[in-house]
Amino acid sequence: SDENYWQTGFGPTNVLLHRLSIELDLDNVAYVVENGQINVDHMPQE
């Protein structure tokens, strides 16, 4: 589950968010648009 040990906000959702960010950095915009609609309200603010 998504947890906040060591102030990491680490868990399955954060891995997915990083995957999207990385795809954007690698210019895979279509992937981010298609998969980017994620509920992030439970994640740390930053």
All heavy atoms as atom14 arrays in JSON, in Angstrom:
{
  "sequence": "SDENYWQTGFGPTNVLLHRLSIELDLDNVAYVVENGQINVDHMPQE",
  "atom14_mask": [
    [1, 1, 1, 1, 1, 1, 0, 0, 0, 0, 0, 0, 0, 0],
    [1, 1, 1, 1, 1, 1, 1, 1, 0, 0, 0, 0, 0, 0],
    [1, 1, 1, 1, 1, 1, 1, 1, 1, 0, 0, 0, 0, 0],
    [1, 1, 1, 1, 1, 1, 1, 1, 0, 0, 0, 0, 0, 0],
    [1, 1, 1, 1, 1, 1, 1, 1, 1, 1, 1, 1, 0, 0],
    [1, 1, 1, 1, 1, 1, 1, 1, 1, 1, 1, 1, 1, 1],
    [1, 1, 1, 1, 1, 1, 1, 1, 1, 0, 0, 0, 0, 0],
    [1, 1, 1, 1, 1, 1, 1, 0, 0, 0, 0, 0, 0, 0],
    [1, 1, 1, 1, 0, 0, 0, 0, 0, 0, 0, 0, 0, 0],
    [1, 1, 1, 1, 1, 1, 1, 1, 1, 1, 1, 0, 0, 0],
    [1, 1, 1, 1, 0, 0, 0, 0, 0, 0, 0, 0, 0, 0],
    [1, 1, 1, 1, 1, 1, 1, 0, 0, 0, 0, 0, 0, 0],
    [1, 1, 1, 1, 1, 1, 1, 0, 0, 0, 0, 0, 0, 0],
    [1, 1, 1, 1, 1, 1, 1, 1, 0, 0, 0, 0, 0, 0],
    [1, 1, 1, 1, 1, 1, 1, 0, 0, 0, 0, 0, 0, 0],
    [1, 1, 1, 1, 1, 1, 1, 1, 0, 0, 0, 0, 0, 0],
    [1, 1, 1, 1, 1, 1, 1, 1, 0, 0, 0, 0, 0, 0],
    [1, 1, 1, 1, 1, 1, 1, 1, 1, 1, 0, 0, 0, 0],
    [1, 1, 1, 1, 1, 1, 1, 1, 1, 1, 1, 0, 0, 0],
    [1, 1, 1, 1, 1, 1, 1, 1, 0, 0, 0, 0, 0, 0],
    [1, 1, 1, 1, 1, 1, 0, 0, 0, 0, 0, 0, 0, 0],
    [1, 1, 1, 1, 1, 1, 1, 1, 0, 0, 0, 0, 0, 0],
    [1, 1, 1, 1, 1, 1, 1, 1, 1, 0, 0, 0, 0, 0],
    [1, 1, 1, 1, 1, 1, 1, 1, 0, 0, 0, 0, 0, 0],
    [1, 1, 1, 1, 1, 1, 1, 1, 0, 0, 0, 0, 0, 0],
    [1, 1, 1, 1, 1, 1, 1, 1, 0, 0, 0, 0, 0, 0],
    [1, 1, 1, 1, 1, 1, 1, 1, 0, 0, 0, 0, 0, 0],
    [1, 1, 1, 1, 1, 1, 1, 1, 0, 0, 0, 0, 0, 0],
    [1, 1, 1, 1, 1, 1, 1, 0, 0, 0, 0, 0, 0, 0],
    [1, 1, 1, 1, 1, 0, 0, 0, 0, 0, 0, 0, 0, 0],
    [1, 1, 1, 1, 1, 1, 1, 1, 1, 1, 1, 1, 0, 0],
    [1, 1, 1, 1, 1, 1, 1, 0, 0, 0, 0, 0, 0, 0],
    [1, 1, 1, 1, 1, 1, 1, 0, 0, 0, 0, 0, 0, 0],
    [1, 1, 1, 1, 1, 1, 1, 1, 1, 0, 0, 0, 0, 0],
    [1, 1, 1, 1, 1, 1, 1, 1, 0, 0, 0, 0, 0, 0],
    [1, 1, 1, 1, 0, 0, 0, 0, 0, 0, 0, 0, 0, 0],
    [1, 1, 1, 1, 1, 1, 1, 1, 1, 0, 0, 0, 0, 0],
    [1, 1, 1, 1, 1, 1, 1, 1, 0, 0, 0, 0, 0, 0],
    [1, 1, 1, 1, 1, 1, 1, 1, 0, 0, 0, 0, 0, 0],
    [1, 1, 1, 1, 1, 1, 1, 0, 0, 0, 0, 0, 0, 0],
    [1, 1, 1, 1, 1, 1, 1, 1, 0, 0, 0, 0, 0, 0],
    [1, 1, 1, 1, 1, 1, 1, 1, 1, 1, 0, 0, 0, 0],
    [1, 1, 1, 1, 1, 1, 1, 1, 0, 0, 0, 0, 0, 0],
    [1, 1, 1, 1, 1, 1, 1, 0, 0, 0, 0, 0, 0, 0],
    [1, 1, 1, 1, 1, 1, 1, 1, 1, 0, 0, 0, 0, 0],
    [1, 1, 1, 1, 1, 1, 1, 1, 1, 0, 0, 0, 0, 0]
  ],
  "atom14_positions": [
    [[0.84, -1.19, 0.0], [0.0, 0.0, 0.0], [0.88, 1.24, 0.0], [2.08, 1.16, 0.23], [-0.93, 0.01, 1.22], [-0.17, 0.02, 2.41], [0.0, 0.0, 0.0], [0.0, 0.0, 0.0], [0.0, 0.0, 0.0], [0.0, 0.0, 0.0], [0.0, 0.0, 0.0], [0.0, 0.0, 0.0], [0.0, 0.0, 0.0], [0.0, 0.0, 0.0]],
    [[0.24, 2.37, -0.24], [0.96, 3.64, -0.21], [1.19, 4.04, 1.24], [0.25, 4.15, 2.02], [0.15, 4.73, -0.93], [-0.05, 4.41, -2.4], [0.91, 3.96, -3.04], [-1.17, 4.63, -2.9], [0.0, 0.0, 0.0], [0.0, 0.0, 0.0], [0.0, 0.0, 0.0], [0.0, 0.0, 0.0], [0.0, 0.0, 0.0], [0.0, 0.0, 0.0]],
    [[2.45, 4.21, 1.6], [2.83, 4.54, 2.98], [3.74, 5.76, 2.97], [4.14, 6.23, 1.91], [3.53, 3.35, 3.64], [2.69, 2.07, 3.68], [1.44, 2.17, 4.54], [1.38, 3.07, 5.42], [0.52, 1.36, 4.35], [0.0, 0.0, 0.0], [0.0, 0.0, 0.0], [0.0, 0.0, 0.0], [0.0, 0.0, 0.0], [0.0, 0.0, 0.0]],
    [[4.11, 6.21, 4.15], [4.97, 7.39, 4.2], [6.14, 7.19, 5.16], [6.54, 8.1, 5.88], [4.15, 8.63, 4.59], [4.83, 9.91, 4.15], [5.65, 9.92, 3.23], [4.52, 11.0, 4.81], [0.0, 0.0, 0.0], [0.0, 0.0, 0.0], [0.0, 0.0, 0.0], [0.0, 0.0, 0.0], [0.0, 0.0, 0.0], [0.0, 0.0, 0.0]],
    [[6.7, 5.99, 5.18], [7.9, 5.74, 5.97], [9.04, 6.61, 5.46], [9.22, 6.76, 4.26], [8.31, 4.27, 5.9], [7.28, 3.33, 6.48], [6.39, 2.64, 5.66], [7.18, 3.13, 7.85], [5.45, 1.77, 6.18], [6.23, 2.27, 8.39], [5.38, 1.59, 7.55], [4.44, 0.74, 8.08], [0.0, 0.0, 0.0], [0.0, 0.0, 0.0]],
    [[9.81, 7.16, 6.34], [10.95, 8.02, 6.01], [10.52, 9.19, 5.13], [11.29, 9.67, 4.31], [12.06, 7.23, 5.32], [12.75, 6.19, 6.14], [12.2, 5.1, 6.74], [14.13, 6.14, 6.46], [13.15, 4.38, 7.39], [14.36, 4.99, 7.23], [15.22, 6.94, 6.15], [15.6, 4.63, 7.71], [16.46, 6.58, 6.62], [16.65, 5.44, 7.4]],
    [[9.27, 9.58, 5.23], [8.73, 10.69, 4.43], [8.85, 10.43, 2.92], [9.1, 11.34, 2.14], [9.42, 12.01, 4.79], [9.35, 12.38, 6.25], [7.93, 12.64, 6.71], [7.2, 13.35, 6.06], [7.54, 12.04, 7.83], [0.0, 0.0, 0.0], [0.0, 0.0, 0.0], [0.0, 0.0, 0.0], [0.0, 0.0, 0.0], [0.0, 0.0, 0.0]],
    [[8.68, 9.16, 2.53], [8.87, 8.81, 1.12], [7.58, 8.85, 0.3], [7.66, 8.99, -0.92], [9.45, 7.38, 0.99], [8.54, 6.46, 1.62], [10.84, 7.3, 1.62], [0.0, 0.0, 0.0], [0.0, 0.0, 0.0], [0.0, 0.0, 0.0], [0.0, 0.0, 0.0], [0.0, 0.0, 0.0], [0.0, 0.0, 0.0], [0.0, 0.0, 0.0]],
    [[6.43, 8.66, 0.93], [5.2, 8.56, 0.15], [5.26, 7.4, -0.82], [4.65, 7.42, -1.88], [0.0, 0.0, 0.0], [0.0, 0.0, 0.0], [0.0, 0.0, 0.0], [0.0, 0.0, 0.0], [0.0, 0.0, 0.0], [0.0, 0.0, 0.0], [0.0, 0.0, 0.0], [0.0, 0.0, 0.0], [0.0, 0.0, 0.0], [0.0, 0.0, 0.0]],
    [[6.01, 6.36, -0.44], [6.26, 5.24, -1.36], [5.13, 4.21, -1.33], [4.54, 3.94, -0.3], [7.58, 4.54, -1.02], [7.92, 3.43, -1.97], [8.37, 3.73, -3.24], [7.75, 2.11, -1.6], [8.67, 2.7, -4.13], [8.06, 1.08, -2.48], [8.51, 1.38, -3.76], [0.0, 0.0, 0.0], [0.0, 0.0, 0.0], [0.0, 0.0, 0.0]],
    [[4.88, 3.64, -2.48], [3.92, 2.57, -2.63], [3.55, 2.42, -4.09], [4.14, 3.06, -4.97], [0.0, 0.0, 0.0], [0.0, 0.0, 0.0], [0.0, 0.0, 0.0], [0.0, 0.0, 0.0], [0.0, 0.0, 0.0], [0.0, 0.0, 0.0], [0.0, 0.0, 0.0], [0.0, 0.0, 0.0], [0.0, 0.0, 0.0], [0.0, 0.0, 0.0]],
    [[2.55, 1.59, -4.38], [2.17, 1.34, -5.77], [1.79, 2.6, -6.55], [2.15, 2.75, -7.72], [0.98, 0.38, -5.65], [1.19, -0.3, -4.33], [1.82, 0.72, -3.44], [0.0, 0.0, 0.0], [0.0, 0.0, 0.0], [0.0, 0.0, 0.0], [0.0, 0.0, 0.0], [0.0, 0.0, 0.0], [0.0, 0.0, 0.0], [0.0, 0.0, 0.0]],
    [[1.09, 3.53, -5.9], [0.69, 4.74, -6.61], [1.9, 5.59, -6.99], [1.99, 6.09, -8.11], [-0.29, 5.58, -5.76], [-1.42, 4.78, -5.41], [-0.76, 6.81, -6.52], [0.0, 0.0, 0.0], [0.0, 0.0, 0.0], [0.0, 0.0, 0.0], [0.0, 0.0, 0.0], [0.0, 0.0, 0.0], [0.0, 0.0, 0.0], [0.0, 0.0, 0.0]],
    [[2.85, 5.73, -6.07], [4.02, 6.54, -6.36], [4.87, 5.93, -7.47], [5.45, 6.65, -8.28], [4.85, 6.77, -5.11], [5.62, 8.08, -5.16], [5.66, 8.76, -6.17], [6.24, 8.42, -4.06], [0.0, 0.0, 0.0], [0.0, 0.0, 0.0], [0.0, 0.0, 0.0], [0.0, 0.0, 0.0], [0.0, 0.0, 0.0], [0.0, 0.0, 0.0]],
    [[4.92, 4.61, -7.54], [5.64, 3.97, -8.65], [4.95, 4.32, -9.97], [5.61, 4.69, -10.95], [5.72, 2.44, -8.46], [6.3, 1.76, -9.7], [6.56, 2.11, -7.22], [0.0, 0.0, 0.0], [0.0, 0.0, 0.0], [0.0, 0.0, 0.0], [0.0, 0.0, 0.0], [0.0, 0.0, 0.0], [0.0, 0.0, 0.0], [0.0, 0.0, 0.0]],
    [[3.62, 4.25, -9.98], [2.88, 4.59, -11.18], [3.1, 6.06, -11.57], [3.31, 6.38, -12.75], [1.39, 4.33, -10.96], [0.45, 4.62, -12.11], [0.84, 3.87, -13.37], [-0.97, 4.27, -11.69], [0.0, 0.0, 0.0], [0.0, 0.0, 0.0], [0.0, 0.0, 0.0], [0.0, 0.0, 0.0], [0.0, 0.0, 0.0], [0.0, 0.0, 0.0]],
    [[3.09, 6.95, -10.59], [3.31, 8.37, -10.87], [4.71, 8.61, -11.43], [4.88, 9.42, -12.36], [3.1, 9.21, -9.62], [1.69, 9.18, -9.02], [1.63, 10.04, -7.77], [0.64, 9.6, -10.03], [0.0, 0.0, 0.0], [0.0, 0.0, 0.0], [0.0, 0.0, 0.0], [0.0, 0.0, 0.0], [0.0, 0.0, 0.0], [0.0, 0.0, 0.0]],
    [[5.69, 7.92, -10.89], [7.05, 8.06, -11.42], [7.14, 7.48, -12.84], [7.84, 8.03, -13.69], [8.07, 7.39, -10.49], [8.51, 8.27, -9.38], [7.75, 8.48, -8.26], [9.63, 9.0, -9.22], [8.39, 9.32, -7.45], [9.53, 9.65, -8.01], [0.0, 0.0, 0.0], [0.0, 0.0, 0.0], [0.0, 0.0, 0.0], [0.0, 0.0, 0.0]],
    [[6.44, 6.4, -13.09], [6.44, 5.82, -14.44], [5.9, 6.84, -15.44], [6.46, 7.04, -16.52], [5.63, 4.53, -14.48], [5.79, 3.74, -15.76], [5.1, 2.38, -15.72], [5.6, 1.49, -14.69], [6.7, 0.74, -14.78], [7.43, 0.79, -15.89], [7.06, -0.06, -13.8], [0.0, 0.0, 0.0], [0.0, 0.0, 0.0], [0.0, 0.0, 0.0]],
    [[4.83, 7.53, -15.06], [4.25, 8.55, -15.94], [5.23, 9.71, -16.15], [5.41, 10.19, -17.27], [2.94, 9.06, -15.36], [1.79, 8.05, -15.37], [0.65, 8.53, -14.49], [1.31, 7.79, -16.79], [0.0, 0.0, 0.0], [0.0, 0.0, 0.0], [0.0, 0.0, 0.0], [0.0, 0.0, 0.0], [0.0, 0.0, 0.0], [0.0, 0.0, 0.0]],
    [[5.85, 10.16, -15.08], [6.81, 11.26, -15.18], [7.99, 10.88, -16.08], [8.46, 11.68, -16.89], [7.3, 11.63, -13.78], [8.21, 12.7, -13.84], [0.0, 0.0, 0.0], [0.0, 0.0, 0.0], [0.0, 0.0, 0.0], [0.0, 0.0, 0.0], [0.0, 0.0, 0.0], [0.0, 0.0, 0.0], [0.0, 0.0, 0.0], [0.0, 0.0, 0.0]],
    [[8.44, 9.67, -15.92], [9.56, 9.18, -16.73], [9.16, 9.08, -18.2], [9.92, 9.46, -19.09], [10.09, 7.85, -16.16], [10.89, 8.16, -14.88], [10.89, 7.07, -17.19], [11.21, 6.95, -14.04], [0.0, 0.0, 0.0], [0.0, 0.0, 0.0], [0.0, 0.0, 0.0], [0.0, 0.0, 0.0], [0.0, 0.0, 0.0], [0.0, 0.0, 0.0]],
    [[7.96, 8.6, -18.46], [7.49, 8.53, -19.86], [7.4, 9.93, -20.46], [7.73, 10.13, -21.63], [6.14, 7.81, -19.95], [6.23, 6.32, -19.69], [7.1, 5.57, -20.7], [7.24, 6.0, -21.87], [7.65, 4.51, -20.32], [0.0, 0.0, 0.0], [0.0, 0.0, 0.0], [0.0, 0.0, 0.0], [0.0, 0.0, 0.0], [0.0, 0.0, 0.0]],
    [[7.01, 10.92, -19.65], [7.0, 12.3, -20.15], [8.42, 12.76, -20.46], [8.66, 13.36, -21.52], [6.34, 13.22, -19.12], [6.17, 14.68, -19.53], [5.34, 14.81, -20.8], [5.54, 15.47, -18.39], [0.0, 0.0, 0.0], [0.0, 0.0, 0.0], [0.0, 0.0, 0.0], [0.0, 0.0, 0.0], [0.0, 0.0, 0.0], [0.0, 0.0, 0.0]],
    [[9.37, 12.46, -19.58], [10.77, 12.83, -19.83], [11.31, 12.15, -21.09], [12.2, 12.68, -21.76], [11.66, 12.47, -18.64], [11.49, 13.43, -17.48], [11.0, 14.55, -17.68], [11.87, 13.05, -16.35], [0.0, 0.0, 0.0], [0.0, 0.0, 0.0], [0.0, 0.0, 0.0], [0.0, 0.0, 0.0], [0.0, 0.0, 0.0], [0.0, 0.0, 0.0]],
    [[10.79, 10.96, -21.39], [11.23, 10.22, -22.57], [10.34, 10.5, -23.8], [10.38, 9.77, -24.77], [11.25, 8.71, -22.26], [12.27, 8.29, -21.2], [12.07, 6.84, -20.79], [13.7, 8.51, -21.7], [0.0, 0.0, 0.0], [0.0, 0.0, 0.0], [0.0, 0.0, 0.0], [0.0, 0.0, 0.0], [0.0, 0.0, 0.0], [0.0, 0.0, 0.0]],
    [[9.55, 11.58, -23.71], [8.72, 12.08, -24.82], [7.6, 11.13, -25.24], [7.15, 11.19, -26.4], [9.59, 12.44, -26.03], [10.55, 13.56, -25.72], [10.16, 14.49, -24.99], [11.71, 13.5, -26.19], [0.0, 0.0, 0.0], [0.0, 0.0, 0.0], [0.0, 0.0, 0.0], [0.0, 0.0, 0.0], [0.0, 0.0, 0.0], [0.0, 0.0, 0.0]],
    [[7.13, 10.3, -24.34], [6.0, 9.43, -24.64], [4.72, 10.09, -24.11], [4.09, 9.62, -23.17], [6.2, 8.04, -24.02], [5.19, 7.03, -24.52], [4.25, 7.36, -25.23], [5.38, 5.78, -24.12], [0.0, 0.0, 0.0], [0.0, 0.0, 0.0], [0.0, 0.0, 0.0], [0.0, 0.0, 0.0], [0.0, 0.0, 0.0], [0.0, 0.0, 0.0]],
    [[4.37, 11.2, -24.73], [3.24, 12.02, -24.29], [1.93, 11.25, -24.36], [1.1, 11.33, -23.45], [3.18, 13.32, -25.13], [1.92, 14.11, -24.83], [4.43, 14.16, -24.9], [0.0, 0.0, 0.0], [0.0, 0.0, 0.0], [0.0, 0.0, 0.0], [0.0, 0.0, 0.0], [0.0, 0.0, 0.0], [0.0, 0.0, 0.0], [0.0, 0.0, 0.0]],
    [[1.73, 10.48, -25.42], [0.47, 9.74, -25.59], [0.25, 8.79, -24.41], [-0.88, 8.65, -23.92], [0.49, 8.96, -26.9], [0.0, 0.0, 0.0], [0.0, 0.0, 0.0], [0.0, 0.0, 0.0], [0.0, 0.0, 0.0], [0.0, 0.0, 0.0], [0.0, 0.0, 0.0], [0.0, 0.0, 0.0], [0.0, 0.0, 0.0], [0.0, 0.0, 0.0]],
    [[1.3, 8.13, -23.94], [1.18, 7.22, -22.8], [0.71, 7.98, -21.55], [-0.16, 7.52, -20.82], [2.52, 6.54, -22.52], [2.48, 5.6, -21.34], [2.12, 4.27, -21.5], [2.79, 6.05, -20.06], [2.07, 3.41, -20.41], [2.75, 5.19, -18.96], [2.38, 3.88, -19.15], [2.31, 3.03, -18.07], [0.0, 0.0, 0.0], [0.0, 0.0, 0.0]],
    [[1.28, 9.15, -21.32], [0.94, 9.94, -20.13], [-0.5, 10.42, -20.22], [-1.26, 10.34, -19.24], [1.91, 11.11, -19.94], [1.54, 11.93, -18.71], [3.35, 10.6, -19.81], [0.0, 0.0, 0.0], [0.0, 0.0, 0.0], [0.0, 0.0, 0.0], [0.0, 0.0, 0.0], [0.0, 0.0, 0.0], [0.0, 0.0, 0.0], [0.0, 0.0, 0.0]],
    [[-0.92, 10.89, -21.38], [-2.3, 11.36, -21.55], [-3.27, 10.2, -21.34], [-4.29, 10.35, -20.66], [-2.49, 12.01, -22.94], [-3.96, 12.26, -23.25], [-1.69, 13.3, -23.04], [0.0, 0.0, 0.0], [0.0, 0.0, 0.0], [0.0, 0.0, 0.0], [0.0, 0.0, 0.0], [0.0, 0.0, 0.0], [0.0, 0.0, 0.0], [0.0, 0.0, 0.0]],
    [[-2.95, 9.05, -21.89], [-3.84, 7.9, -21.8], [-3.93, 7.34, -20.37], [-4.98, 6.87, -19.96], [-3.35, 6.8, -22.75], [-4.26, 5.59, -22.81], [-3.77, 4.57, -23.82], [-3.33, 4.99, -24.91], [-3.84, 3.38, -23.52], [0.0, 0.0, 0.0], [0.0, 0.0, 0.0], [0.0, 0.0, 0.0], [0.0, 0.0, 0.0], [0.0, 0.0, 0.0]],
    [[-2.83, 7.4, -19.61], [-2.78, 6.75, -18.3], [-2.68, 7.7, -17.12], [-2.58, 7.27, -15.98], [-1.59, 5.79, -18.26], [-1.73, 4.68, -19.27], [-2.52, 3.78, -19.1], [-0.98, 4.78, -20.36], [0.0, 0.0, 0.0], [0.0, 0.0, 0.0], [0.0, 0.0, 0.0], [0.0, 0.0, 0.0], [0.0, 0.0, 0.0], [0.0, 0.0, 0.0]],
    [[-2.71, 9.0, -17.37], [-2.42, 9.97, -16.32], [-3.56, 10.35, -15.4], [-3.34, 11.05, -14.41], [0.0, 0.0, 0.0], [0.0, 0.0, 0.0], [0.0, 0.0, 0.0], [0.0, 0.0, 0.0], [0.0, 0.0, 0.0], [0.0, 0.0, 0.0], [0.0, 0.0, 0.0], [0.0, 0.0, 0.0], [0.0, 0.0, 0.0], [0.0, 0.0, 0.0]],
    [[-4.76, 9.91, -15.68], [-5.91, 10.27, -14.85], [-5.92, 9.38, -13.6], [-6.54, 8.34, -13.56], [-7.21, 10.07, -15.66], [-8.4, 10.74, -15.09], [-8.39, 12.24, -15.33], [-7.44, 12.82, -15.82], [-9.46, 12.88, -14.97], [0.0, 0.0, 0.0], [0.0, 0.0, 0.0], [0.0, 0.0, 0.0], [0.0, 0.0, 0.0], [0.0, 0.0, 0.0]],
    [[-5.22, 9.83, -12.56], [-5.04, 9.04, -11.34], [-5.45, 9.86, -10.14], [-5.13, 11.06, -10.06], [-3.55, 8.63, -11.2], [-3.16, 7.74, -12.35], [-3.29, 7.93, -9.87], [-1.69, 7.51, -12.45], [0.0, 0.0, 0.0], [0.0, 0.0, 0.0], [0.0, 0.0, 0.0], [0.0, 0.0, 0.0], [0.0, 0.0, 0.0], [0.0, 0.0, 0.0]],
    [[-6.12, 9.23, -9.19], [-6.47, 9.92, -7.94], [-5.21, 10.03, -7.09], [-4.66, 9.03, -6.65], [-7.55, 9.14, -7.2], [-7.95, 9.82, -5.91], [-7.35, 10.82, -5.49], [-8.96, 9.28, -5.27], [0.0, 0.0, 0.0], [0.0, 0.0, 0.0], [0.0, 0.0, 0.0], [0.0, 0.0, 0.0], [0.0, 0.0, 0.0], [0.0, 0.0, 0.0]],
    [[-4.78, 11.27, -6.88], [-3.56, 11.51, -6.1], [-3.87, 12.25, -4.79], [-2.95, 12.7, -4.11], [-2.51, 12.3, -6.92], [-1.97, 11.46, -8.06], [-3.08, 13.61, -7.43], [0.0, 0.0, 0.0], [0.0, 0.0, 0.0], [0.0, 0.0, 0.0], [0.0, 0.0, 0.0], [0.0, 0.0, 0.0], [0.0, 0.0, 0.0], [0.0, 0.0, 0.0]],
    [[-5.14, 12.34, -4.45], [-5.53, 13.11, -3.27], [-4.96, 12.53, -1.97], [-4.76, 13.28, -1.01], [-7.05, 13.2, -3.17], [-7.66, 14.0, -4.31], [-6.93, 14.83, -4.92], [-8.85, 13.8, -4.61], [0.0, 0.0, 0.0], [0.0, 0.0, 0.0], [0.0, 0.0, 0.0], [0.0, 0.0, 0.0], [0.0, 0.0, 0.0], [0.0, 0.0, 0.0]],
    [[-4.67, 11.25, -1.93], [-4.13, 10.62, -0.71], [-2.61, 10.69, -0.63], [-2.02, 10.31, 0.38], [-4.58, 9.16, -0.64], [-3.97, 8.3, -1.7], [-4.33, 8.36, -3.03], [-3.0, 7.35, -1.63], [-3.63, 7.49, -3.73], [-2.8, 6.87, -2.91], [0.0, 0.0, 0.0], [0.0, 0.0, 0.0], [0.0, 0.0, 0.0], [0.0, 0.0, 0.0]],
    [[-1.98, 11.2, -1.67], [-0.52, 11.26, -1.71], [-0.02, 12.52, -0.99], [-0.76, 13.48, -0.85], [-0.03, 11.28, -3.16], [-0.39, 10.03, -3.96], [0.3, 8.51, -3.3], [2.03, 8.77, -3.6], [0.0, 0.0, 0.0], [0.0, 0.0, 0.0], [0.0, 0.0, 0.0], [0.0, 0.0, 0.0], [0.0, 0.0, 0.0], [0.0, 0.0, 0.0]],
    [[1.26, 12.51, -0.56], [1.83, 13.74, 0.0], [1.66, 14.89, -0.99], [1.73, 14.7, -2.21], [3.3, 13.4, 0.21], [3.32, 11.91, 0.38], [2.22, 11.4, -0.53], [0.0, 0.0, 0.0], [0.0, 0.0, 0.0], [0.0, 0.0, 0.0], [0.0, 0.0, 0.0], [0.0, 0.0, 0.0], [0.0, 0.0, 0.0], [0.0, 0.0, 0.0]],
    [[1.47, 16.08, -0.46], [1.16, 17.26, -1.27], [2.15, 17.47, -2.42], [1.75, 17.69, -3.56], [1.15, 18.47, -0.35], [0.75, 19.75, -1.03], [0.77, 20.92, -0.06], [1.83, 21.3, 0.4], [-0.4, 21.45, 0.24], [0.0, 0.0, 0.0], [0.0, 0.0, 0.0], [0.0, 0.0, 0.0], [0.0, 0.0, 0.0], [0.0, 0.0, 0.0]],
    [[3.42, 17.41, -2.13], [4.42, 17.65, -3.17], [4.29, 16.65, -4.32], [4.42, 16.99, -5.49], [5.83, 17.58, -2.58], [6.91, 17.89, -3.58], [8.3, 17.86, -2.98], [8.45, 18.04, -1.76], [9.25, 17.65, -3.75], [0.0, 0.0, 0.0], [0.0, 0.0, 0.0], [0.0, 0.0, 0.0], [0.0, 0.0, 0.0], [0.0, 0.0, 0.0]]
  ]
}
